[in-house]
Amino acid sequence: MTIVAITLGLFLVLALIVAGLVRSFQDHSVAELLDWKPARSPEVEAQNEVDDVRQMIEAQNEYRRKRGAEEITEADVQRQAAADQQLRARGAGPFKNDPEVVDELDAGPKKLRPPKNPKPKPKKR
């Protein structure tokens, strides 16, 4: 009986310690406790995105010039992205009505087949 009382007492002490720690840190954010600061500001991140898009368009245009194709502009890329987004929003796409592509949920319930080797029935005596 004393072991049960000691165990319950230790659990009670542990619960009080945890409650005290929670109470003492409730006014501080996790970022403040860890002294975390973002590596880059949102403005720098936005500028990096703009630079990345510009570099990708320049690289594509370089290959298009080598092929003799017409160059693309940022407006072309934005127009194509908007068209892709509309296509995605409608649920249409290259696989929408393709009979070769069957989703597991679209296949419907599978019919149960009898086993190939049914167990033999016991003989009556």
Protein backbone atom coordinates (compact mmCIF):
# COMPACT_ATOMS: atom_id res chain seq x y z
CA MET A 1 0.00 0.00 0.00
CA THR A 2 2.86 2.35 0.71
CA ILE A 3 4.27 1.88 -2.82
CA VAL A 4 0.93 2.99 -4.29
CA ALA A 5 0.91 6.08 -2.07
CA ILE A 6 4.51 6.94 -2.98
CA THR A 7 3.78 6.49 -6.71
CA LEU A 8 0.66 8.67 -6.54
CA GLY A 9 2.58 11.28 -4.56
CA LEU A 10 5.35 11.37 -7.17
CA PHE A 11 2.79 11.78 -9.96
CA LEU A 12 1.19 14.63 -8.04
CA VAL A 13 4.57 16.34 -7.55
CA LEU A 14 5.38 15.86 -11.25
CA ALA A 15 1.99 17.34 -12.26
CA LEU A 16 2.61 20.36 -10.00
CA ILE A 17 6.08 20.90 -11.52
CA VAL A 18 4.68 20.72 -15.07
CA ALA A 19 1.84 23.09 -14.18
CA GLY A 20 4.34 25.55 -12.66
CA LEU A 21 6.55 25.43 -15.77
CA VAL A 22 3.59 25.97 -18.08
CA ARG A 23 2.44 28.91 -16.00
CA SER A 24 5.87 30.53 -15.95
CA PHE A 25 6.32 30.34 -19.74
CA GLN A 26 2.78 31.15 -20.90
CA ASP A 27 3.55 34.84 -21.60
CA HIS A 28 6.47 34.05 -23.94
CA SER A 29 6.31 32.88 -27.54
CA VAL A 30 8.30 29.92 -28.77
CA ALA A 31 10.30 32.16 -31.13
CA GLU A 32 11.19 34.36 -28.18
CA LEU A 33 12.25 31.39 -26.04
CA LEU A 34 14.42 30.00 -28.83
CA ASP A 35 15.68 33.47 -29.84
CA TRP A 36 14.64 32.66 -33.41
CA LYS A 37 14.75 35.26 -36.14
CA PRO A 38 14.05 34.67 -39.83
CA ALA A 39 17.17 34.45 -41.96
CA ARG A 40 15.76 36.82 -44.61
CA SER A 41 13.07 39.44 -44.62
CA PRO A 42 9.87 38.97 -46.65
CA GLU A 43 11.02 41.77 -48.98
CA VAL A 44 14.24 39.87 -49.78
CA GLU A 45 12.26 36.67 -50.37
CA ALA A 46 9.89 38.49 -52.76
CA GLN A 47 12.82 39.99 -54.67
CA ASN A 48 14.43 36.54 -54.92
CA GLU A 49 11.21 35.15 -56.43
CA VAL A 50 11.11 37.96 -59.02
CA ASP A 51 14.77 37.34 -59.88
CA ASP A 52 14.18 33.58 -60.19
CA VAL A 53 11.28 34.09 -62.62
CA ARG A 54 13.33 36.53 -64.69
CA GLN A 55 16.28 34.10 -64.84
CA MET A 56 14.02 31.20 -65.86
CA ILE A 57 12.45 33.26 -68.66
CA GLU A 58 15.91 34.31 -69.88
CA ALA A 59 17.09 30.69 -69.89
CA GLN A 60 14.01 29.54 -71.82
CA ASN A 61 14.44 32.36 -74.32
CA GLU A 62 18.06 31.36 -74.85
CA TYR A 63 16.99 27.83 -75.82
CA ARG A 64 14.12 29.20 -77.93
CA ARG A 65 16.55 31.45 -79.85
CA LYS A 66 18.78 28.44 -80.54
CA ARG A 67 15.75 26.53 -81.89
CA GLY A 68 14.55 29.54 -83.84
CA ALA A 69 11.32 29.76 -81.85
CA GLU A 70 9.64 32.96 -80.74
CA GLU A 71 10.76 34.36 -77.37
CA ILE A 72 8.35 34.51 -74.44
CA THR A 73 7.68 37.43 -72.12
CA GLU A 74 6.63 37.59 -68.49
CA ALA A 75 3.10 38.44 -69.63
CA ASP A 76 3.04 35.20 -71.66
CA VAL A 77 4.12 33.24 -68.59
CA GLN A 78 1.46 34.90 -66.42
CA ARG A 79 -1.22 34.24 -69.04
CA GLN A 80 -0.21 30.57 -69.27
CA ALA A 81 -0.16 30.23 -65.47
CA ALA A 82 -3.66 31.74 -65.24
CA ALA A 83 -4.94 29.33 -67.90
CA ASP A 84 -3.39 26.38 -66.04
CA GLN A 85 -4.96 27.55 -62.79
CA GLN A 86 -8.41 27.79 -64.43
CA LEU A 87 -7.97 24.31 -65.87
CA ARG A 88 -7.05 22.97 -62.42
CA ALA A 89 -10.00 24.78 -60.81
CA ARG A 90 -12.46 23.18 -63.25
CA GLY A 91 -11.05 19.74 -62.51
CA ALA A 92 -10.13 19.25 -66.14
CA GLY A 93 -6.78 18.15 -67.34
CA PRO A 94 -4.96 15.78 -69.62
CA PHE A 95 -6.30 12.69 -67.80
CA LYS A 96 -9.89 13.78 -67.22
CA ASN A 97 -11.64 11.46 -69.70
CA ASP A 98 -8.81 9.04 -70.43
CA PRO A 99 -10.14 5.48 -70.03
CA GLU A 100 -6.60 4.21 -69.39
CA VAL A 101 -6.34 6.21 -66.17
CA VAL A 102 -8.61 4.79 -63.49
CA ASP A 103 -8.59 6.04 -59.96
CA GLU A 104 -9.12 3.43 -57.25
CA LEU A 105 -12.22 5.25 -56.07
CA ASP A 106 -13.63 5.50 -59.61
CA ALA A 107 -13.31 1.78 -60.25
CA GLY A 108 -16.37 0.93 -58.16
CA PRO A 109 -16.88 -2.09 -55.95
CA LYS A 110 -15.06 -5.20 -57.04
CA LYS A 111 -17.06 -8.34 -57.54
CA LEU A 112 -16.15 -11.18 -55.26
CA ARG A 113 -15.11 -14.34 -57.07
CA PRO A 114 -15.48 -17.79 -55.60
CA PRO A 115 -12.20 -19.42 -54.60
CA LYS A 116 -10.53 -21.50 -57.31
CA ASN A 117 -10.15 -24.60 -55.14
CA PRO A 118 -13.16 -24.78 -52.86
CA LYS A 119 -12.83 -27.04 -49.84
CA PRO A 120 -14.41 -30.44 -50.42
CA LYS A 121 -17.60 -31.10 -48.54
CA PRO A 122 -17.36 -33.72 -45.83
CA LYS A 123 -18.92 -37.07 -46.78
CA LYS A 124 -22.00 -38.20 -44.93
CA ARG A 125 -21.83 -41.56 -43.18
